[in-house]
Amino acid sequence: MNTAIPAPVGRTLPATGQRLPAFGLGCAALGNLYAAVSDADAAATLDAAWANGLTYFDTAPYYGHGLSERRLGDWLKAGGGPGAVVSTKVGRGLIPLDGRPAPDHGFVDPAPFAPVFDYGRDAVMRQVEQSLARLGRDRIDIAFVHDIGAMTHGDDHPEVFRAAVEGAFPALAALKSQGVVGAIGIGVNEVAVCLETLAHVDLDAILLAGRYTLLDQSAAAELLTLCERRAVGVIVGGPFNSGILSGGDRYDYAAAPPAIIERVRRLRAICADHGVDLAAAALRYPLRHPAVVSVVAGTRSPAEVRANAAHMAVPVPDALWGALAAEGLIEEAKP
């Protein structure tokens, strides 16, 4: 009898045939998110990721105000990651500071630029050109429209969304037709704007952070089913929900509230009963849904990469998922 899910293998984006590894590296930390990382440590982290089979790298101009893209680009130009899959994002232009202090977006000692929202067609064309220069590439494998939605823009969301539908998405479609972009998607933290976008735009992929995890399955009821039907590949970012599922104390970019801490305690206890580390279960859970093509976790050091790689290789008993579902802690997913 089969008692464990085999180690996950890569899946393809249904709309484009682009093959992704089951796990990728999120590069926000390489833009000095919350703490500084040296150029050398960033390169060592990328080396460790590549050595452990994490051949998909997700970045954005926002991460370190260009620093993450530049560090990834330096590594690629130095010969790292031949054939790597790279995704980045549009929607924020980078304006030189010219001596002014950098705005505080959680990045320590970022590059000397200020990110400014702009989803217009011409702006997105410039953003892609600048990203390609920082990455040292002539092609972006997946380009995501970044951080649209009410969570980010509040009352301005309708105007921002219209600008993206009329500007950013047509710009990316034109670049895709030219071969500059391989696939088009959105990179967001909320389910509602994914559904809204799919009602207006044909997407190849959705990068959704934190909404299909052991702590939050809000994407399961409607979005993942729709994506499976529409042949939209879902990449799950933030599988640790900002760190609380891997031993940290943050949940969705803030201090974890007591209810979440208690839920994590229950998850950890049941995982321990089945001989599985909670972090390993957190990495493997999203891949149980057939709409999910890859899971992207952020790391800031080679040690963290190796720890995650070890978790990725852990066989997870089917009985664990059943036990978590029985306790009402997860939605039972189709393996």
C-alpha atoms as a PDB file:
ATOM      1  CA  MET A   1       0.000   0.000   0.000  1.00  0.00           C
ATOM      2  CA  ASN A   2       1.252   3.484  -0.862  1.00  0.00           C
ATOM      3  CA  THR A   3       1.879   5.374   2.381  1.00  0.00           C
ATOM      4  CA  ALA A   4       3.891   8.337   1.125  1.00  0.00           C
ATOM      5  CA  ILE A   5       3.824  10.799  -1.731  1.00  0.00           C
ATOM      6  CA  PRO A   6       6.976  10.463  -3.853  1.00  0.00           C
ATOM      7  CA  ALA A   7       9.364  13.394  -4.009  1.00  0.00           C
ATOM      8  CA  PRO A   8       7.662  15.972  -6.242  1.00  0.00           C
ATOM      9  CA  VAL A   9       8.855  16.468  -9.789  1.00  0.00           C
ATOM     10  CA  GLY A  10       8.429  19.500 -11.976  1.00  0.00           C
ATOM     11  CA  ARG A  11       5.202  20.457 -13.682  1.00  0.00           C
ATOM     12  CA  THR A  12       4.475  22.570 -16.725  1.00  0.00           C
ATOM     13  CA  LEU A  13       2.521  25.765 -17.166  1.00  0.00           C
ATOM     14  CA  PRO A  14      -0.443  24.353 -19.097  1.00  0.00           C
ATOM     15  CA  ALA A  15      -0.829  27.366 -21.388  1.00  0.00           C
ATOM     16  CA  THR A  16       2.803  27.609 -22.511  1.00  0.00           C
ATOM     17  CA  GLY A  17       4.469  24.266 -21.841  1.00  0.00           C
ATOM     18  CA  GLN A  18       7.186  25.970 -19.755  1.00  0.00           C
ATOM     19  CA  ARG A  19       8.444  23.386 -17.281  1.00  0.00           C
ATOM     20  CA  LEU A  20       9.076  24.519 -13.729  1.00  0.00           C
ATOM     21  CA  PRO A  21      10.741  22.630 -10.909  1.00  0.00           C
ATOM     22  CA  ALA A  22       8.472  21.656  -8.029  1.00  0.00           C
ATOM     23  CA  PHE A  23      10.312  24.156  -5.835  1.00  0.00           C
ATOM     24  CA  GLY A  24      11.829  27.535  -6.615  1.00  0.00           C
ATOM     25  CA  LEU A  25      13.699  30.280  -4.788  1.00  0.00           C
ATOM     26  CA  GLY A  26      12.014  33.540  -3.858  1.00  0.00           C
ATOM     27  CA  CYS A  27      14.569  36.332  -4.037  1.00  0.00           C
ATOM     28  CA  ALA A  28      13.006  39.059  -1.861  1.00  0.00           C
ATOM     29  CA  ALA A  29      15.523  38.337   0.901  1.00  0.00           C
ATOM     30  CA  LEU A  30      18.337  38.902  -1.602  1.00  0.00           C
ATOM     31  CA  GLY A  31      17.022  42.472  -1.760  1.00  0.00           C
ATOM     32  CA  ASN A  32      17.739  42.824   1.980  1.00  0.00           C
ATOM     33  CA  LEU A  33      14.186  42.230   3.181  1.00  0.00           C
ATOM     34  CA  TYR A  34      14.199  42.880   6.958  1.00  0.00           C
ATOM     35  CA  ALA A  35      17.979  42.318   7.195  1.00  0.00           C
ATOM     36  CA  ALA A  36      21.059  43.030   5.105  1.00  0.00           C
ATOM     37  CA  VAL A  37      22.657  40.294   3.011  1.00  0.00           C
ATOM     38  CA  SER A  38      26.074  40.806   1.427  1.00  0.00           C
ATOM     39  CA  ASP A  39      26.677  40.365  -2.285  1.00  0.00           C
ATOM     40  CA  ALA A  40      28.866  37.356  -1.512  1.00  0.00           C
ATOM     41  CA  ASP A  41      26.218  35.725   0.672  1.00  0.00           C
ATOM     42  CA  ALA A  42      23.567  36.381  -1.974  1.00  0.00           C
ATOM     43  CA  ALA A  43      25.715  34.644  -4.593  1.00  0.00           C
ATOM     44  CA  ALA A  44      26.397  31.744  -2.221  1.00  0.00           C
ATOM     45  CA  THR A  45      22.656  31.385  -1.593  1.00  0.00           C
ATOM     46  CA  LEU A  46      21.987  31.235  -5.327  1.00  0.00           C
ATOM     47  CA  ASP A  47      24.783  28.675  -5.744  1.00  0.00           C
ATOM     48  CA  ALA A  48      23.252  26.533  -3.001  1.00  0.00           C
ATOM     49  CA  ALA A  49      19.806  26.795  -4.568  1.00  0.00           C
ATOM     50  CA  TRP A  50      21.108  25.662  -7.948  1.00  0.00           C
ATOM     51  CA  ALA A  51      23.069  22.794  -6.393  1.00  0.00           C
ATOM     52  CA  ASN A  52      19.923  21.582  -4.646  1.00  0.00           C
ATOM     53  CA  GLY A  53      17.673  21.613  -7.696  1.00  0.00           C
ATOM     54  CA  LEU A  54      15.983  24.995  -7.161  1.00  0.00           C
ATOM     55  CA  THR A  55      16.389  26.148 -10.743  1.00  0.00           C
ATOM     56  CA  TYR A  56      13.502  28.633 -10.775  1.00  0.00           C
ATOM     57  CA  PHE A  57      14.149  32.109  -9.372  1.00  0.00           C
ATOM     58  CA  ASP A  58      11.468  34.711  -8.707  1.00  0.00           C
ATOM     59  CA  THR A  59      12.436  38.344  -8.218  1.00  0.00           C
ATOM     60  CA  ALA A  60      11.018  41.852  -8.717  1.00  0.00           C
ATOM     61  CA  PRO A  61      12.234  45.432  -9.113  1.00  0.00           C
ATOM     62  CA  TYR A  62      10.542  46.195  -5.785  1.00  0.00           C
ATOM     63  CA  TYR A  63      12.805  43.797  -3.869  1.00  0.00           C
ATOM     64  CA  GLY A  64      15.558  46.029  -2.574  1.00  0.00           C
ATOM     65  CA  HIS A  65      14.569  48.664  -5.165  1.00  0.00           C
ATOM     66  CA  GLY A  66      16.466  46.826  -7.888  1.00  0.00           C
ATOM     67  CA  LEU A  67      19.026  45.131  -5.630  1.00  0.00           C
ATOM     68  CA  SER A  68      17.538  41.630  -5.874  1.00  0.00           C
ATOM     69  CA  GLU A  69      17.386  41.728  -9.675  1.00  0.00           C
ATOM     70  CA  ARG A  70      20.914  43.102  -9.877  1.00  0.00           C
ATOM     71  CA  ARG A  71      22.322  40.389  -7.587  1.00  0.00           C
ATOM     72  CA  LEU A  72      20.526  37.637  -9.486  1.00  0.00           C
ATOM     73  CA  GLY A  73      21.750  39.160 -12.739  1.00  0.00           C
ATOM     74  CA  ASP A  74      25.348  39.351 -11.534  1.00  0.00           C
ATOM     75  CA  TRP A  75      25.186  35.671 -10.598  1.00  0.00           C
ATOM     76  CA  LEU A  76      23.701  34.685 -13.946  1.00  0.00           C
ATOM     77  CA  LYS A  77      26.239  36.754 -15.872  1.00  0.00           C
ATOM     78  CA  ALA A  78      29.059  35.106 -13.913  1.00  0.00           C
ATOM     79  CA  GLY A  79      27.937  31.702 -15.211  1.00  0.00           C
ATOM     80  CA  GLY A  80      25.574  30.656 -12.459  1.00  0.00           C
ATOM     81  CA  GLY A  81      22.389  28.823 -13.338  1.00  0.00           C
ATOM     82  CA  PRO A  82      22.704  28.075 -17.060  1.00  0.00           C
ATOM     83  CA  GLY A  83      19.169  27.507 -18.274  1.00  0.00           C
ATOM     84  CA  ALA A  84      17.584  28.934 -15.123  1.00  0.00           C
ATOM     85  CA  VAL A  85      13.907  29.872 -15.187  1.00  0.00           C
ATOM     86  CA  VAL A  86      13.494  33.498 -14.082  1.00  0.00           C
ATOM     87  CA  SER A  87      10.367  35.460 -13.304  1.00  0.00           C
ATOM     88  CA  THR A  88      10.143  39.112 -12.420  1.00  0.00           C
ATOM     89  CA  LYS A  89       7.392  41.696 -12.149  1.00  0.00           C
ATOM     90  CA  VAL A  90       6.037  44.955 -13.519  1.00  0.00           C
ATOM     91  CA  GLY A  91       3.935  47.731 -12.034  1.00  0.00           C
ATOM     92  CA  ARG A  92       6.557  49.714 -10.164  1.00  0.00           C
ATOM     93  CA  GLY A  93       9.095  51.966 -11.802  1.00  0.00           C
ATOM     94  CA  LEU A  94      12.346  52.812 -10.030  1.00  0.00           C
ATOM     95  CA  ILE A  95      13.139  56.523  -9.706  1.00  0.00           C
ATOM     96  CA  PRO A  96      16.706  57.615  -8.801  1.00  0.00           C
ATOM     97  CA  LEU A  97      16.887  59.117  -5.315  1.00  0.00           C
ATOM     98  CA  ASP A  98      19.482  61.749  -6.256  1.00  0.00           C
ATOM     99  CA  GLY A  99      20.632  62.034  -2.660  1.00  0.00           C
ATOM    100  CA  ARG A 100      17.211  61.836  -1.028  1.00  0.00           C
ATOM    101  CA  PRO A 101      16.669  59.211   1.707  1.00  0.00           C
ATOM    102  CA  ALA A 102      15.260  55.886   0.575  1.00  0.00           C
ATOM    103  CA  PRO A 103      11.612  55.191   1.482  1.00  0.00           C
ATOM    104  CA  ASP A 104      11.154  52.464   4.093  1.00  0.00           C
ATOM    105  CA  HIS A 105       9.501  49.425   2.534  1.00  0.00           C
ATOM    106  CA  GLY A 106      11.168  46.897   4.805  1.00  0.00           C
ATOM    107  CA  PHE A 107      14.371  46.603   2.760  1.00  0.00           C
ATOM    108  CA  VAL A 108      17.587  47.379   4.620  1.00  0.00           C
ATOM    109  CA  ASP A 109      20.110  49.486   2.679  1.00  0.00           C
ATOM    110  CA  PRO A 110      18.316  49.123  -0.680  1.00  0.00           C
ATOM    111  CA  ALA A 111      19.631  50.360  -4.005  1.00  0.00           C
ATOM    112  CA  PRO A 112      19.372  54.175  -4.388  1.00  0.00           C
ATOM    113  CA  PHE A 113      15.949  54.215  -6.042  1.00  0.00           C
ATOM    114  CA  ALA A 114      12.366  54.822  -4.983  1.00  0.00           C
ATOM    115  CA  PRO A 115       9.680  52.453  -6.309  1.00  0.00           C
ATOM    116  CA  VAL A 116       6.662  54.237  -7.826  1.00  0.00           C
ATOM    117  CA  PHE A 117       3.490  52.501  -8.994  1.00  0.00           C
ATOM    118  CA  ASP A 118       2.848  52.780 -12.727  1.00  0.00           C
ATOM    119  CA  TYR A 119       0.816  50.213 -14.684  1.00  0.00           C
ATOM    120  CA  GLY A 120       0.680  52.162 -17.961  1.00  0.00           C
ATOM    121  CA  ARG A 121       1.748  50.529 -21.209  1.00  0.00           C
ATOM    122  CA  ASP A 122       4.784  52.744 -21.873  1.00  0.00           C
ATOM    123  CA  ALA A 123       5.882  52.516 -18.254  1.00  0.00           C
ATOM    124  CA  VAL A 124       5.707  48.724 -18.301  1.00  0.00           C
ATOM    125  CA  MET A 125       7.745  48.601 -21.504  1.00  0.00           C
ATOM    126  CA  ARG A 126      10.438  50.674 -19.756  1.00  0.00           C
ATOM    127  CA  GLN A 127      10.254  48.533 -16.622  1.00  0.00           C
ATOM    128  CA  VAL A 128      10.822  45.349 -18.604  1.00  0.00           C
ATOM    129  CA  GLU A 129      13.756  46.910 -20.448  1.00  0.00           C
ATOM    130  CA  GLN A 130      15.319  47.973 -17.142  1.00  0.00           C
ATOM    131  CA  SER A 131      14.739  44.550 -15.567  1.00  0.00           C
ATOM    132  CA  LEU A 132      16.398  42.853 -18.509  1.00  0.00           C
ATOM    133  CA  ALA A 133      19.411  45.138 -18.089  1.00  0.00           C
ATOM    134  CA  ARG A 134      19.696  44.354 -14.366  1.00  0.00           C
ATOM    135  CA  LEU A 135      19.251  40.628 -15.002  1.00  0.00           C
ATOM    136  CA  GLY A 136      21.641  40.603 -17.964  1.00  0.00           C
ATOM    137  CA  ARG A 137      19.094  38.727 -20.055  1.00  0.00           C
ATOM    138  CA  ASP A 138      17.232  39.247 -23.304  1.00  0.00           C
ATOM    139  CA  ARG A 139      14.160  37.315 -22.152  1.00  0.00           C
ATOM    140  CA  ILE A 140      11.987  36.974 -19.058  1.00  0.00           C
ATOM    141  CA  ASP A 141      10.472  33.524 -18.652  1.00  0.00           C
ATOM    142  CA  ILE A 142       7.446  34.757 -16.685  1.00  0.00           C
ATOM    143  CA  ALA A 143       6.419  38.394 -16.194  1.00  0.00           C
ATOM    144  CA  PHE A 144       3.911  39.084 -13.424  1.00  0.00           C
ATOM    145  CA  VAL A 145       1.864  42.232 -12.947  1.00  0.00           C
ATOM    146  CA  HIS A 146       2.764  42.973  -9.332  1.00  0.00           C
ATOM    147  CA  ASP A 147       0.554  43.944  -6.398  1.00  0.00           C
ATOM    148  CA  ILE A 148      -2.701  44.942  -8.006  1.00  0.00           C
ATOM    149  CA  GLY A 149      -5.717  44.630  -5.733  1.00  0.00           C
ATOM    150  CA  ALA A 150      -7.495  46.373  -2.885  1.00  0.00           C
ATOM    151  CA  MET A 151      -5.092  44.994  -0.297  1.00  0.00           C
ATOM    152  CA  THR A 152      -2.354  47.186  -1.773  1.00  0.00           C
ATOM    153  CA  HIS A 153      -4.280  50.070  -3.325  1.00  0.00           C
ATOM    154  CA  GLY A 154      -7.385  50.444  -1.153  1.00  0.00           C
ATOM    155  CA  ASP A 155      -9.916  52.865  -2.612  1.00  0.00           C
ATOM    156  CA  ASP A 156      -7.665  53.440  -5.629  1.00  0.00           C
ATOM    157  CA  HIS A 157      -8.001  49.811  -6.713  1.00  0.00           C
ATOM    158  CA  PRO A 158     -10.626  50.352  -9.478  1.00  0.00           C
ATOM    159  CA  GLU A 159      -8.491  53.015 -11.151  1.00  0.00           C
ATOM    160  CA  VAL A 160      -5.299  50.987 -10.760  1.00  0.00           C
ATOM    161  CA  PHE A 161      -6.980  47.843 -12.054  1.00  0.00           C
ATOM    162  CA  ARG A 162      -8.275  49.652 -15.127  1.00  0.00           C
ATOM    163  CA  ALA A 163      -4.781  50.999 -15.828  1.00  0.00           C
ATOM    164  CA  ALA A 164      -3.364  47.467 -15.618  1.00  0.00           C
ATOM    165  CA  VAL A 165      -6.034  45.970 -17.879  1.00  0.00           C
ATOM    166  CA  GLU A 166      -5.631  48.752 -20.451  1.00  0.00           C
ATOM    167  CA  GLY A 167      -1.861  49.161 -20.140  1.00  0.00           C
ATOM    168  CA  ALA A 168       0.233  46.533 -18.367  1.00  0.00           C
ATOM    169  CA  PHE A 169      -1.418  43.399 -19.709  1.00  0.00           C
ATOM    170  CA  PRO A 170      -1.489  44.523 -23.375  1.00  0.00           C
ATOM    171  CA  ALA A 171       2.158  45.578 -23.041  1.00  0.00           C
ATOM    172  CA  LEU A 172       3.137  42.142 -21.750  1.00  0.00           C
ATOM    173  CA  ALA A 173       1.047  40.447 -24.444  1.00  0.00           C
ATOM    174  CA  ALA A 174       2.964  42.410 -27.090  1.00  0.00           C
ATOM    175  CA  LEU A 175       6.285  41.428 -25.518  1.00  0.00           C
ATOM    176  CA  LYS A 176       5.156  37.807 -25.375  1.00  0.00           C
ATOM    177  CA  SER A 177       4.355  37.887 -29.096  1.00  0.00           C
ATOM    178  CA  GLN A 178       7.913  39.166 -29.678  1.00  0.00           C
ATOM    179  CA  GLY A 179       9.452  36.412 -27.550  1.00  0.00           C
ATOM    180  CA  VAL A 180      10.756  38.848 -24.927  1.00  0.00           C
ATOM    181  CA  VAL A 181       8.356  37.385 -22.342  1.00  0.00           C
ATOM    182  CA  GLY A 182       7.537  33.692 -22.165  1.00  0.00           C
ATOM    183  CA  ALA A 183       4.424  33.764 -19.996  1.00  0.00           C
ATOM    184  CA  ILE A 184       2.157  36.395 -18.442  1.00  0.00           C
ATOM    185  CA  GLY A 185       0.622  36.424 -14.994  1.00  0.00           C
ATOM    186  CA  ILE A 186      -0.050  38.330 -11.799  1.00  0.00           C
ATOM    187  CA  GLY A 187       1.890  38.252  -8.542  1.00  0.00           C
ATOM    188  CA  VAL A 188      -0.358  39.103  -5.591  1.00  0.00           C
ATOM    189  CA  ASN A 189      -1.320  38.248  -2.016  1.00  0.00           C
ATOM    190  CA  GLU A 190      -5.112  38.177  -2.339  1.00  0.00           C
ATOM    191  CA  VAL A 191      -7.592  35.847  -3.972  1.00  0.00           C
ATOM    192  CA  ALA A 192     -10.234  38.428  -4.952  1.00  0.00           C
ATOM    193  CA  VAL A 193      -8.062  40.244  -7.479  1.00  0.00           C
ATOM    194  CA  CYS A 194      -7.050  36.932  -9.077  1.00  0.00           C
ATOM    195  CA  LEU A 195     -10.708  36.164  -9.763  1.00  0.00           C
ATOM    196  CA  GLU A 196     -11.293  39.720 -10.982  1.00  0.00           C
ATOM    197  CA  THR A 197      -8.325  39.551 -13.331  1.00  0.00           C
ATOM    198  CA  LEU A 198      -9.358  36.200 -14.781  1.00  0.00           C
ATOM    199  CA  ALA A 199     -12.711  37.761 -15.659  1.00  0.00           C
ATOM    200  CA  HIS A 200     -10.912  40.292 -17.887  1.00  0.00           C
ATOM    201  CA  VAL A 201      -7.581  38.800 -18.968  1.00  0.00           C
ATOM    202  CA  ASP A 202      -6.259  35.456 -20.194  1.00  0.00           C
ATOM    203  CA  LEU A 203      -3.363  34.546 -17.905  1.00  0.00           C
ATOM    204  CA  ASP A 204      -0.725  31.858 -18.168  1.00  0.00           C
ATOM    205  CA  ALA A 205       0.187  31.867 -14.482  1.00  0.00           C
ATOM    206  CA  ILE A 206      -0.669  33.265 -11.073  1.00  0.00           C
ATOM    207  CA  LEU A 207       1.919  33.716  -8.337  1.00  0.00           C
ATOM    208  CA  LEU A 208      -0.175  33.760  -5.178  1.00  0.00           C
ATOM    209  CA  ALA A 209       1.600  34.333  -1.867  1.00  0.00           C
ATOM    210  CA  GLY A 210       0.296  32.916   1.373  1.00  0.00           C
ATOM    211  CA  ARG A 211      -3.217  31.942   0.288  1.00  0.00           C
ATOM    212  CA  TYR A 212      -2.816  28.200  -0.190  1.00  0.00           C
ATOM    213  CA  THR A 213      -0.827  27.057   2.821  1.00  0.00           C
ATOM    214  CA  LEU A 214      -1.295  25.006   5.962  1.00  0.00           C
ATOM    215  CA  LEU A 215      -2.636  28.162   7.616  1.00  0.00           C
ATOM    216  CA  ASP A 216      -4.707  29.681   4.819  1.00  0.00           C
ATOM    217  CA  GLN A 217      -6.564  27.754   2.136  1.00  0.00           C
ATOM    218  CA  SER A 218      -8.717  30.658   0.957  1.00  0.00           C
ATOM    219  CA  ALA A 219      -7.647  29.992  -2.639  1.00  0.00           C
ATOM    220  CA  ALA A 220      -9.013  26.450  -2.616  1.00  0.00           C
ATOM    221  CA  ALA A 221     -12.765  26.970  -2.757  1.00  0.00           C
ATOM    222  CA  GLU A 222     -12.993  28.844  -6.054  1.00  0.00           C
ATOM    223  CA  LEU A 223      -9.706  30.071  -7.468  1.00  0.00           C
ATOM    224  CA  LEU A 224      -7.752  26.842  -7.792  1.00  0.00           C
ATOM    225  CA  THR A 225     -10.729  25.084  -9.349  1.00  0.00           C
ATOM    226  CA  LEU A 226     -11.094  27.915 -11.854  1.00  0.00           C
ATOM    227  CA  CYS A 227      -7.378  27.879 -12.652  1.00  0.00           C
ATOM    228  CA  GLU A 228      -7.462  24.137 -13.262  1.00  0.00           C
ATOM    229  CA  ARG A 229     -10.400  24.586 -15.643  1.00  0.00           C
ATOM    230  CA  ARG A 230      -8.807  27.575 -17.416  1.00  0.00           C
ATOM    231  CA  ALA A 231      -5.342  25.932 -17.692  1.00  0.00           C
ATOM    232  CA  VAL A 232      -3.720  28.639 -15.555  1.00  0.00           C
ATOM    233  CA  GLY A 233      -0.701  27.420 -13.611  1.00  0.00           C
ATOM    234  CA  VAL A 234      -0.592  28.484  -9.960  1.00  0.00           C
ATOM    235  CA  ILE A 235       2.752  29.128  -8.281  1.00  0.00           C
ATOM    236  CA  VAL A 236       2.385  29.236  -4.509  1.00  0.00           C
ATOM    237  CA  GLY A 237       4.627  31.782  -2.839  1.00  0.00           C
ATOM    238  CA  GLY A 238       5.035  32.292   0.886  1.00  0.00           C
ATOM    239  CA  PRO A 239       4.423  28.643   1.882  1.00  0.00           C
ATOM    240  CA  PHE A 240       5.635  29.484   5.393  1.00  0.00           C
ATOM    241  CA  ASN A 241       3.285  32.504   5.704  1.00  0.00           C
ATOM    242  CA  SER A 242       6.217  34.870   6.385  1.00  0.00           C
ATOM    243  CA  GLY A 243       8.065  32.367   8.567  1.00  0.00           C
ATOM    244  CA  ILE A 244       5.628  31.186  11.245  1.00  0.00           C
ATOM    245  CA  LEU A 245       5.508  27.697   9.675  1.00  0.00           C
ATOM    246  CA  SER A 246       9.291  27.340   9.635  1.00  0.00           C
ATOM    247  CA  GLY A 247      10.116  28.383  13.187  1.00  0.00           C
ATOM    248  CA  GLY A 248       9.755  32.162  12.886  1.00  0.00           C
ATOM    249  CA  ASP A 249       7.321  34.516  14.580  1.00  0.00           C
ATOM    250  CA  ARG A 250       5.908  36.481  11.626  1.00  0.00           C
ATOM    251  CA  TYR A 251       2.593  35.795   9.926  1.00  0.00           C
ATOM    252  CA  ASP A 252       1.702  37.670   6.744  1.00  0.00           C
ATOM    253  CA  TYR A 253       4.538  40.190   7.258  1.00  0.00           C
ATOM    254  CA  ALA A 254       3.587  41.031  10.880  1.00  0.00           C
ATOM    255  CA  ALA A 255       3.868  39.574  14.363  1.00  0.00           C
ATOM    256  CA  ALA A 256       1.761  36.412  14.566  1.00  0.00           C
ATOM    257  CA  PRO A 257      -1.451  36.815  16.613  1.00  0.00           C
ATOM    258  CA  PRO A 258      -2.260  34.339  19.436  1.00  0.00           C
ATOM    259  CA  ALA A 259      -4.844  32.417  17.370  1.00  0.00           C
ATOM    260  CA  ILE A 260      -2.283  31.727  14.656  1.00  0.00           C
ATOM    261  CA  ILE A 261       0.355  30.717  17.196  1.00  0.00           C
ATOM    262  CA  GLU A 262      -2.084  28.200  18.689  1.00  0.00           C
ATOM    263  CA  ARG A 263      -2.990  26.840  15.256  1.00  0.00           C
ATOM    264  CA  VAL A 264       0.695  26.391  14.448  1.00  0.00           C
ATOM    265  CA  ARG A 265       1.139  24.520  17.748  1.00  0.00           C
ATOM    266  CA  ARG A 266      -1.622  22.092  16.760  1.00  0.00           C
ATOM    267  CA  LEU A 267      -0.185  21.642  13.267  1.00  0.00           C
ATOM    268  CA  ARG A 268       3.288  20.981  14.644  1.00  0.00           C
ATOM    269  CA  ALA A 269       2.023  18.421  17.170  1.00  0.00           C
ATOM    270  CA  ILE A 270       0.142  16.387  14.559  1.00  0.00           C
ATOM    271  CA  CYS A 271       3.090  16.533  12.168  1.00  0.00           C
ATOM    272  CA  ALA A 272       5.373  15.310  14.955  1.00  0.00           C
ATOM    273  CA  ASP A 273       3.006  12.395  15.613  1.00  0.00           C
ATOM    274  CA  HIS A 274       3.634  11.318  12.016  1.00  0.00           C
ATOM    275  CA  GLY A 275       7.384  11.914  12.128  1.00  0.00           C
ATOM    276  CA  VAL A 276       7.328  14.954   9.829  1.00  0.00           C
ATOM    277  CA  ASP A 277       8.763  18.401  10.485  1.00  0.00           C
ATOM    278  CA  LEU A 278       6.154  21.159  10.149  1.00  0.00           C
ATOM    279  CA  ALA A 279       8.296  23.007   7.596  1.00  0.00           C
ATOM    280  CA  ALA A 280       8.443  19.911   5.391  1.00  0.00           C
ATOM    281  CA  ALA A 281       4.664  19.571   5.488  1.00  0.00           C
ATOM    282  CA  ALA A 282       4.287  23.287   4.692  1.00  0.00           C
ATOM    283  CA  LEU A 283       6.449  22.957   1.580  1.00  0.00           C
ATOM    284  CA  ARG A 284       4.742  19.813   0.327  1.00  0.00           C
ATOM    285  CA  TYR A 285       1.089  20.632   1.035  1.00  0.00           C
ATOM    286  CA  PRO A 286       0.420  23.071  -1.864  1.00  0.00           C
ATOM    287  CA  LEU A 287       1.634  20.568  -4.458  1.00  0.00           C
ATOM    288  CA  ARG A 288      -1.221  18.225  -3.582  1.00  0.00           C
ATOM    289  CA  HIS A 289      -3.531  20.388  -5.686  1.00  0.00           C
ATOM    290  CA  PRO A 290      -3.303  19.712  -9.441  1.00  0.00           C
ATOM    291  CA  ALA A 291      -3.525  23.427 -10.312  1.00  0.00           C
ATOM    292  CA  VAL A 292      -0.286  24.145  -8.435  1.00  0.00           C
ATOM    293  CA  VAL A 293       2.820  23.868 -10.614  1.00  0.00           C
ATOM    294  CA  SER A 294       5.523  25.098  -8.216  1.00  0.00           C
ATOM    295  CA  VAL A 295       6.154  26.302  -4.661  1.00  0.00           C
ATOM    296  CA  VAL A 296       8.494  29.241  -4.105  1.00  0.00           C
ATOM    297  CA  ALA A 297      10.039  29.831  -0.691  1.00  0.00           C
ATOM    298  CA  GLY A 298      12.312  32.732   0.156  1.00  0.00           C
ATOM    299  CA  THR A 299      15.684  32.167   1.810  1.00  0.00           C
ATOM    300  CA  ARG A 300      18.597  34.433   2.682  1.00  0.00           C
ATOM    301  CA  SER A 301      21.491  32.003   3.237  1.00  0.00           C
ATOM    302  CA  PRO A 302      22.951  28.736   1.959  1.00  0.00           C
ATOM    303  CA  ALA A 303      22.077  27.126   5.296  1.00  0.00           C
ATOM    304  CA  GLU A 304      18.400  28.001   4.842  1.00  0.00           C
ATOM    305  CA  VAL A 305      18.484  26.665   1.282  1.00  0.00           C
ATOM    306  CA  ARG A 306      19.971  23.368   2.435  1.00  0.00           C
ATOM    307  CA  ALA A 307      17.443  23.080   5.259  1.00  0.00           C
ATOM    308  CA  ASN A 308      14.561  23.639   2.859  1.00  0.00           C
ATOM    309  CA  ALA A 309      16.044  21.181   0.366  1.00  0.00           C
ATOM    310  CA  ALA A 310      16.177  18.564   3.100  1.00  0.00           C
ATOM    311  CA  HIS A 311      12.522  19.251   3.939  1.00  0.00           C
ATOM    312  CA  MET A 312      11.574  18.978   0.261  1.00  0.00           C
ATOM    313  CA  ALA A 313      12.998  15.468   0.123  1.00  0.00           C
ATOM    314  CA  VAL A 314      11.056  14.189   3.151  1.00  0.00           C
ATOM    315  CA  PRO A 315       8.422  11.558   2.288  1.00  0.00           C
ATOM    316  CA  VAL A 316       5.123  12.717   3.766  1.00  0.00           C
ATOM    317  CA  PRO A 317       2.666   9.962   4.783  1.00  0.00           C
ATOM    318  CA  ASP A 318      -0.827  10.235   3.339  1.00  0.00           C
ATOM    319  CA  ALA A 319      -2.078   9.646   6.872  1.00  0.00           C
ATOM    320  CA  LEU A 320      -0.726  13.039   7.949  1.00  0.00           C
ATOM    321  CA  TRP A 321      -2.949  14.922   5.524  1.00  0.00           C
ATOM    322  CA  GLY A 322      -5.925  12.877   6.644  1.00  0.00           C
ATOM    323  CA  ALA A 323      -5.179  13.635  10.294  1.00  0.00           C
ATOM    324  CA  LEU A 324      -4.858  17.376   9.634  1.00  0.00           C
ATOM    325  CA  ALA A 325      -8.119  17.369   7.670  1.00  0.00           C
ATOM    326  CA  ALA A 326      -9.881  15.409  10.406  1.00  0.00           C
ATOM    327  CA  GLU A 327      -8.887  18.108  12.890  1.00  0.00           C
ATOM    328  CA  GLY A 328     -10.250  20.802  10.574  1.00  0.00           C
ATOM    329  CA  LEU A 329      -6.806  22.284  10.020  1.00  0.00           C
ATOM    330  CA  ILE A 330      -6.615  21.877   6.244  1.00  0.00           C
ATOM    331  CA  GLU A 331      -8.853  21.406   3.238  1.00  0.00           C
ATOM    332  CA  GLU A 332      -8.362  17.872   2.005  1.00  0.00           C
ATOM    333  CA  ALA A 333      -6.684  18.265  -1.378  1.00  0.00           C
ATOM    334  CA  LYS A 334      -6.601  15.893  -4.323  1.00  0.00           C
ATOM    335  CA  PRO A 335      -3.127  14.306  -4.460  1.00  0.00           C
END
